[in-house]
PDB file of N, CA and C in Angstrom:
ATOM      1  N   MET A   1       0.660  -1.199   0.238  1.00  0.00           N
ATOM      2  CA  MET A   1      -0.193   0.261  -0.168  1.00  0.00           C
ATOM      3  C   MET A   1       0.482   1.486   0.013  1.00  0.00           C
ATOM      4  N   GLY A   2       2.119   1.035   1.004  1.00  0.00           N
ATOM      5  CA  GLY A   2       2.627   1.816   0.674  1.00  0.00           C
ATOM      6  C   GLY A   2       3.064   2.622  -0.617  1.00  0.00           C
ATOM      7  N   LEU A   3       3.979   2.199  -1.568  1.00  0.00           N
ATOM      8  CA  LEU A   3       4.510   2.255  -2.797  1.00  0.00           C
ATOM      9  C   LEU A   3       3.108   3.099  -3.635  1.00  0.00           C
ATOM     10  N   SER A   4       2.446   2.037  -3.575  1.00  0.00           N
ATOM     11  CA  SER A   4       0.987   2.494  -4.512  1.00  0.00           C
ATOM     12  C   SER A   4       0.484   4.374  -3.760  1.00  0.00           C
ATOM     13  N   LEU A   5       0.384   4.429  -2.902  1.00  0.00           N
ATOM     14  CA  LEU A   5       0.338   5.678  -1.846  1.00  0.00           C
ATOM     15  C   LEU A   5       0.849   6.535  -2.821  1.00  0.00           C
ATOM     16  N   ALA A   6       2.339   6.320  -2.650  1.00  0.00           N
ATOM     17  CA  ALA A   6       4.066   7.301  -3.294  1.00  0.00           C
ATOM     18  C   ALA A   6       2.806   7.166  -4.234  1.00  0.00           C
ATOM     19  N   ALA A   7       3.007   6.793  -5.546  1.00  0.00           N
ATOM     20  CA  ALA A   7       2.458   6.710  -6.808  1.00  0.00           C
ATOM     21  C   ALA A   7       2.060   8.131  -7.146  1.00  0.00           C
ATOM     22  N   SER A   8       0.818   7.815  -6.556  1.00  0.00           N
ATOM     23  CA  SER A   8      -0.792   8.450  -6.184  1.00  0.00           C
ATOM     24  C   SER A   8      -0.323   9.471  -6.262  1.00  0.00           C
ATOM     25  N   LEU A   9       0.187  10.025  -4.736  1.00  0.00           N
ATOM     26  CA  LEU A   9       0.781  11.281  -4.707  1.00  0.00           C
ATOM     27  C   LEU A   9       1.479  12.093  -5.494  1.00  0.00           C
ATOM     28  N   ALA A  10       2.753  11.379  -6.418  1.00  0.00           N
ATOM     29  CA  ALA A  10       3.342  11.986  -7.251  1.00  0.00           C
ATOM     30  C   ALA A  10       2.420  12.351  -8.240  1.00  0.00           C
ATOM     31  N   PHE A  11       1.379  10.859  -9.490  1.00  0.00           N
ATOM     32  CA  PHE A  11       0.265  12.095  -9.917  1.00  0.00           C
ATOM     33  C   PHE A  11       0.037  13.159  -9.353  1.00  0.00           C
ATOM     34  N   VAL A  12      -0.587  13.457  -7.849  1.00  0.00           N
ATOM     35  CA  VAL A  12      -1.794  14.532  -7.491  1.00  0.00           C
ATOM     36  C   VAL A  12      -0.486  15.489  -7.858  1.00  0.00           C
ATOM     37  N   GLN A  13       0.995  15.556  -7.164  1.00  0.00           N
ATOM     38  CA  GLN A  13       1.710  16.346  -7.340  1.00  0.00           C
ATOM     39  C   GLN A  13       1.486  17.232  -8.811  1.00  0.00           C
ATOM     40  N   LEU A  14       1.634  15.957  -9.744  1.00  0.00           N
ATOM     41  CA  LEU A  14       1.901  16.528 -11.389  1.00  0.00           C
ATOM     42  C   LEU A  14       1.042  16.763 -12.046  1.00  0.00           C
ATOM     43  N   VAL A  15      -0.014  16.632 -12.049  1.00  0.00           N
ATOM     44  CA  VAL A  15      -1.476  17.229 -12.736  1.00  0.00           C
ATOM     45  C   VAL A  15      -2.316  17.248 -11.561  1.00  0.00           C
ATOM     46  N   GLY A  16      -2.249  18.340 -10.172  1.00  0.00           N
ATOM     47  CA  GLY A  16      -2.827  18.217  -9.744  1.00  0.00           C
ATOM     48  C   GLY A  16      -3.394  20.104 -10.336  1.00  0.00           C
ATOM     49  N   THR A  17      -2.086  21.212 -10.543  1.00  0.00           N
ATOM     50  CA  THR A  17      -2.423  21.808 -10.952  1.00  0.00           C
ATOM     51  C   THR A  17      -2.553  22.787 -12.557  1.00  0.00           C
ATOM     52  N   HIS A  18      -3.104  21.276 -13.338  1.00  0.00           N
ATOM     53  CA  HIS A  18      -2.862  21.155 -14.487  1.00  0.00           C
ATOM     54  C   HIS A  18      -4.697  21.606 -14.947  1.00  0.00           C
ATOM     55  N   ALA A  19      -5.032  22.353 -15.402  1.00  0.00           N
ATOM     56  CA  ALA A  19      -6.186  23.008 -15.560  1.00  0.00           C
ATOM     57  C   ALA A  19      -6.901  21.921 -16.531  1.00  0.00           C
ATOM     58  N   ARG A  20      -6.900  21.327 -17.194  1.00  0.00           N
ATOM     59  CA  ARG A  20      -7.543  19.967 -17.596  1.00  0.00           C
ATOM     60  C   ARG A  20      -7.710  18.933 -16.852  1.00  0.00           C
ATOM     61  N   LEU A  21      -6.191  18.590 -15.980  1.00  0.00           N
ATOM     62  CA  LEU A  21      -6.443  17.057 -15.968  1.00  0.00           C
ATOM     63  C   LEU A  21      -6.704  17.491 -13.734  1.00  0.00           C
ATOM     64  N   GLY A  22      -6.475  18.329 -13.791  1.00  0.00           N
ATOM     65  CA  GLY A  22      -6.630  18.593 -12.310  1.00  0.00           C
ATOM     66  C   GLY A  22      -7.695  18.048 -11.774  1.00  0.00           C
ATOM     67  N   SER A  23      -9.391  17.992 -12.292  1.00  0.00           N
ATOM     68  CA  SER A  23     -10.202  17.146 -11.795  1.00  0.00           C
ATOM     69  C   SER A  23      -9.874  15.854 -11.657  1.00  0.00           C
ATOM     70  N   LEU A  24      -9.086  14.974 -12.217  1.00  0.00           N
ATOM     71  CA  LEU A  24      -8.754  13.578 -12.684  1.00  0.00           C
ATOM     72  C   LEU A  24      -8.317  13.691 -12.102  1.00  0.00           C
ATOM     73  N   ALA A  25      -6.912  14.416 -11.191  1.00  0.00           N
ATOM     74  CA  ALA A  25      -6.481  14.572  -9.366  1.00  0.00           C
ATOM     75  C   ALA A  25      -7.282  14.013  -8.148  1.00  0.00           C
ATOM     76  N   ASP A  26      -7.505  15.717  -9.093  1.00  0.00           N
ATOM     77  CA  ASP A  26      -9.207  15.242  -7.533  1.00  0.00           C
ATOM     78  C   ASP A  26      -9.840  13.939  -6.916  1.00  0.00           C
ATOM     79  N   ALA A  27     -10.065  13.194  -8.027  1.00  0.00           N
ATOM     80  CA  ALA A  27     -10.789  12.107  -8.384  1.00  0.00           C
ATOM     81  C   ALA A  27      -9.572  11.049  -7.940  1.00  0.00           C
ATOM     82  N   LYS A  28      -8.805  11.082  -8.053  1.00  0.00           N
ATOM     83  CA  LYS A  28      -7.809   9.908  -7.891  1.00  0.00           C
ATOM     84  C   LYS A  28      -7.675   9.783  -6.506  1.00  0.00           C
ATOM     85  N   LEU A  29      -7.352  11.553  -6.123  1.00  0.00           N
ATOM     86  CA  LEU A  29      -7.159  11.244  -4.115  1.00  0.00           C
ATOM     87  C   LEU A  29      -8.479  10.878  -3.320  1.00  0.00           C
ATOM     88  N   LEU A  30      -9.712  11.174  -3.878  1.00  0.00           N
ATOM     89  CA  LEU A  30     -10.587  10.621  -3.003  1.00  0.00           C
ATOM     90  C   LEU A  30     -10.904   9.284  -3.377  1.00  0.00           C
ATOM     91  N   LEU A  31     -10.263   8.699  -3.986  1.00  0.00           N
ATOM     92  CA  LEU A  31     -10.487   6.908  -4.261  1.00  0.00           C
ATOM     93  C   LEU A  31      -9.249   6.389  -3.555  1.00  0.00           C
ATOM     94  N   ASP A  32      -8.414   7.332  -3.343  1.00  0.00           N
ATOM     95  CA  ASP A  32      -7.324   6.943  -2.682  1.00  0.00           C
ATOM     96  C   ASP A  32      -7.577   6.746  -1.086  1.00  0.00           C
ATOM     97  N   MET A  33      -8.498   7.778  -0.822  1.00  0.00           N
ATOM     98  CA  MET A  33      -8.734   7.708   0.149  1.00  0.00           C
ATOM     99  C   MET A  33      -9.887   7.153   1.014  1.00  0.00           C
ATOM    100  N   GLN A  34     -10.600   6.970  -0.287  1.00  0.00           N
ATOM    101  CA  GLN A  34     -11.444   5.817   0.381  1.00  0.00           C
ATOM    102  C   GLN A  34     -11.055   4.319   0.805  1.00  0.00           C
ATOM    103  N   GLY A  35     -10.249   3.847  -0.450  1.00  0.00           N
ATOM    104  CA  GLY A  35      -9.348   2.400  -0.075  1.00  0.00           C
ATOM    105  C   GLY A  35      -8.335   2.834   1.490  1.00  0.00           C
ATOM    106  N   ILE A  36      -7.730   3.647   1.516  1.00  0.00           N
ATOM    107  CA  ILE A  36      -7.548   3.644   2.699  1.00  0.00           C
ATOM    108  C   ILE A  36      -8.638   3.359   4.188  1.00  0.00           C
ATOM    109  N   VAL A  37      -9.455   4.204   4.103  1.00  0.00           N
ATOM    110  CA  VAL A  37     -10.336   4.158   5.110  1.00  0.00           C
ATOM    111  C   VAL A  37     -11.364   2.381   4.766  1.00  0.00           C
ATOM    112  N   VAL A  38     -11.070   2.026   3.742  1.00  0.00           N
ATOM    113  CA  VAL A  38     -11.693   0.793   3.463  1.00  0.00           C
ATOM    114  C   VAL A  38     -10.674  -0.486   4.035  1.00  0.00           C
ATOM    115  N   GLU A  39      -9.370  -0.233   3.853  1.00  0.00           N
ATOM    116  CA  GLU A  39      -8.295  -1.019   4.212  1.00  0.00           C
ATOM    117  C   GLU A  39      -8.388  -1.290   5.542  1.00  0.00           C
ATOM    118  N   ARG A  40      -8.685  -0.062   5.773  1.00  0.00           N
ATOM    119  CA  ARG A  40      -8.038   0.417   7.440  1.00  0.00           C
ATOM    120  C   ARG A  40      -9.633  -0.265   8.749  1.00  0.00           C
ATOM    121  N   ALA A  41     -10.437  -0.068   7.644  1.00  0.00           N
ATOM    122  CA  ALA A  41     -12.015  -0.557   8.624  1.00  0.00           C
ATOM    123  C   ALA A  41     -12.403  -2.116   8.884  1.00  0.00           C
ATOM    124  N   GLY A  42     -11.415  -2.830   7.756  1.00  0.00           N
ATOM    125  CA  GLY A  42     -11.397  -3.713   7.721  1.00  0.00           C
ATOM    126  C   GLY A  42      -9.715  -4.748   8.814  1.00  0.00           C
ATOM    127  N   SER A  43      -9.400  -3.879   9.333  1.00  0.00           N
ATOM    128  CA  SER A  43      -7.800  -4.335  10.022  1.00  0.00           C
ATOM    129  C   SER A  43      -8.778  -4.504  11.540  1.00  0.00           C
TER     130      SER A  43
END
């Protein structure tokens, strides 16, 4: 999970300020956060 989270954060940093890709970065971040919550709730 750690490497995946690092890759996701790098993606958000790279495209987060792009005019057309910013909303994609936001959606990716929300999905990652949801995955973390689900994983923590299961353990």
